[in-house]
Amino acid sequence: MRIAIGSDHAGFALKEELKAFLREQGHEVVDVGNHSPEPADYPIFCVRVARAVASGEVERGIVLGGSGQGEQIAANKVRGIRAALCNDLYTARMSRAHNDANVLAIGARIVATPLACEIVRLWLETPFEGGRHARRIEQIAAIERGEL
């Protein structure tokens, strides 16, 4: 799978760890920055990830910051993005199964690297269940189009 990943300074170290993990798992990684631990504003990197997903350049995206909250909010401003903040395995699984999340946000100051790797692995492997959930995803898309 082709995956875009981006972070601010708080998520930089975890981003580097996750890039290595993803490559070990056979994924192609597109790093959109930040490329150092120097202070950086997260919206710039989150929108790059989100736009890469929305355009189809990549299949999924991962955004990282201190808490993951702002990163999730920024990514969700891009039409077609369903970014989910997942700092545990349950929310990672449910964000895919029920919400068809296409961008994953993780708080690097909350989640240690081994758990972050497990969250990413589970999130990437969990399929969307469809069914009644597909109707709800379409309703979210209708909100974006101004129809609901």
Protein backbone atom coordinates (compact mmCIF):
# COMPACT_ATOMS: atom_id res chain seq x y z
CA MET A 1 0.00 0.00 0.00
CA ARG A 2 1.16 3.56 -0.71
CA ILE A 3 0.91 5.69 2.45
CA ALA A 4 1.58 9.40 3.01
CA ILE A 5 2.92 10.40 6.43
CA GLY A 6 3.50 13.80 7.98
CA SER A 7 4.19 15.35 11.35
CA ASP A 8 5.11 18.46 13.23
CA HIS A 9 8.15 18.60 15.50
CA ALA A 10 6.37 16.73 18.31
CA GLY A 11 5.61 13.80 16.02
CA PHE A 12 8.91 13.77 14.15
CA ALA A 13 10.63 10.97 16.09
CA LEU A 14 7.57 8.73 15.92
CA LYS A 15 7.22 9.48 12.20
CA GLU A 16 10.74 8.24 11.60
CA GLU A 17 10.01 5.03 13.57
CA LEU A 18 6.74 4.44 11.74
CA LYS A 19 8.34 4.98 8.34
CA ALA A 20 10.79 2.17 9.08
CA PHE A 21 7.99 -0.05 10.40
CA LEU A 22 5.80 0.57 7.35
CA ARG A 23 8.64 -0.21 4.96
CA GLU A 24 9.39 -3.42 6.88
CA GLN A 25 5.73 -4.34 6.35
CA GLY A 26 6.14 -3.86 2.59
CA HIS A 27 4.42 -0.49 2.23
CA GLU A 28 5.60 2.42 0.12
CA VAL A 29 5.95 5.56 2.26
CA VAL A 30 5.63 9.14 1.04
CA ASP A 31 7.08 11.48 3.70
CA VAL A 32 5.60 14.97 3.26
CA GLY A 33 7.56 16.47 6.19
CA ASN A 34 8.48 17.86 8.69
CA HIS A 35 12.02 16.64 8.03
CA SER A 36 13.56 17.65 11.35
CA PRO A 37 12.67 18.01 15.02
CA GLU A 38 12.75 21.81 14.66
CA PRO A 39 9.47 23.58 15.53
CA ALA A 40 6.95 23.38 12.69
CA ASP A 41 3.25 24.12 12.27
CA TYR A 42 1.24 20.91 11.87
CA PRO A 43 -1.51 22.15 9.48
CA ILE A 44 0.98 22.40 6.61
CA PHE A 45 1.94 18.74 6.85
CA CYS A 46 -1.55 17.49 7.61
CA VAL A 47 -3.04 19.14 4.53
CA ARG A 48 -0.27 17.63 2.37
CA VAL A 49 -1.14 14.16 3.66
CA ALA A 50 -4.89 14.74 3.32
CA ARG A 51 -4.63 16.10 -0.22
CA ALA A 52 -2.46 13.16 -1.28
CA VAL A 53 -5.16 10.78 -0.01
CA ALA A 54 -8.06 12.77 -1.47
CA SER A 55 -6.39 12.96 -4.90
CA GLY A 56 -5.68 9.23 -4.97
CA GLU A 57 -1.91 9.76 -5.05
CA VAL A 58 -1.78 7.48 -1.99
CA GLU A 59 -4.26 5.02 -0.52
CA ARG A 60 -4.01 6.10 3.13
CA GLY A 61 -2.42 8.77 5.28
CA ILE A 62 -0.95 9.14 8.76
CA VAL A 63 -0.55 12.43 10.64
CA LEU A 64 1.37 12.77 13.88
CA GLY A 65 1.70 15.47 16.51
CA GLY A 66 1.85 15.87 20.25
CA SER A 67 -1.76 14.90 20.95
CA GLY A 68 -2.97 14.14 17.44
CA GLN A 69 -6.03 16.34 18.00
CA GLY A 70 -5.04 19.31 15.87
CA GLU A 71 -3.64 17.02 13.21
CA GLN A 72 -6.96 15.19 12.93
CA ILE A 73 -8.88 18.47 12.74
CA ALA A 74 -6.60 19.89 10.03
CA ALA A 75 -6.76 16.74 7.89
CA ASN A 76 -10.56 16.63 8.17
CA LYS A 77 -10.81 20.06 6.51
CA VAL A 78 -10.00 18.43 3.16
CA ARG A 79 -13.06 17.18 1.29
CA GLY A 80 -13.23 13.39 1.18
CA ILE A 81 -11.03 12.87 4.22
CA ARG A 82 -12.19 10.90 7.22
CA ALA A 83 -9.34 11.33 9.69
CA ALA A 84 -9.58 9.48 13.00
CA LEU A 85 -7.59 10.10 16.17
CA CYS A 86 -6.62 6.64 17.40
CA ASN A 87 -4.44 6.34 20.45
CA ASP A 88 -5.57 2.78 21.17
CA LEU A 89 -6.35 -0.43 19.29
CA TYR A 90 -10.13 -0.31 19.70
CA THR A 91 -10.56 3.10 18.09
CA ALA A 92 -8.13 2.13 15.32
CA ARG A 93 -10.19 -0.95 14.46
CA MET A 94 -13.54 0.82 14.70
CA SER A 95 -12.39 3.85 12.68
CA ARG A 96 -11.78 1.53 9.75
CA ALA A 97 -14.59 -0.98 10.23
CA HIS A 98 -17.38 1.54 10.80
CA ASN A 99 -16.06 4.88 9.51
CA ASP A 100 -13.80 3.86 6.61
CA ALA A 101 -11.18 6.29 7.96
CA ASN A 102 -8.58 7.08 5.33
CA VAL A 103 -6.26 9.17 7.54
CA LEU A 104 -4.95 8.06 10.92
CA ALA A 105 -3.91 10.60 13.58
CA ILE A 106 -1.78 9.55 16.56
CA GLY A 107 -0.52 11.57 19.51
CA ALA A 108 3.23 11.02 19.76
CA ARG A 109 3.28 12.34 23.33
CA ILE A 110 0.56 9.87 24.29
CA VAL A 111 1.44 6.64 22.46
CA ALA A 112 4.79 4.84 22.71
CA THR A 113 6.34 3.51 19.51
CA PRO A 114 5.51 -0.20 20.02
CA LEU A 115 1.82 0.57 20.54
CA ALA A 116 1.84 3.06 17.66
CA CYS A 117 3.16 0.32 15.37
CA GLU A 118 0.36 -2.00 16.48
CA ILE A 119 -2.24 0.73 15.98
CA VAL A 120 -0.94 1.37 12.46
CA ARG A 121 -0.79 -2.34 11.61
CA LEU A 122 -4.35 -2.96 12.83
CA TRP A 123 -5.67 0.20 11.14
CA LEU A 124 -4.15 -0.79 7.81
CA GLU A 125 -5.39 -4.38 8.01
CA THR A 126 -8.97 -3.68 9.12
CA PRO A 127 -11.45 -3.62 6.24
CA PHE A 128 -14.48 -1.35 6.04
CA GLU A 129 -17.60 -3.37 6.90
CA GLY A 130 -19.91 -1.47 4.55
CA GLY A 131 -23.60 -2.24 5.05
CA ARG A 132 -25.35 0.23 7.33
CA HIS A 133 -22.03 2.04 7.77
CA ALA A 134 -21.82 2.83 4.04
CA ARG A 135 -25.08 4.78 4.31
CA ARG A 136 -23.58 6.89 7.08
CA ILE A 137 -20.38 7.53 5.12
CA GLU A 138 -22.54 8.75 2.24
CA GLN A 139 -24.36 11.08 4.64
CA ILE A 140 -21.01 12.52 5.73
CA ALA A 141 -20.13 13.08 2.06
CA ALA A 142 -23.51 14.80 1.59
CA ILE A 143 -22.61 17.19 4.41
CA GLU A 144 -19.39 18.04 2.58
CA ARG A 145 -21.35 18.72 -0.61
CA GLY A 146 -23.77 20.96 1.31
CA GLU A 147 -26.70 18.62 0.65
CA LEU A 148 -27.45 17.64 4.25
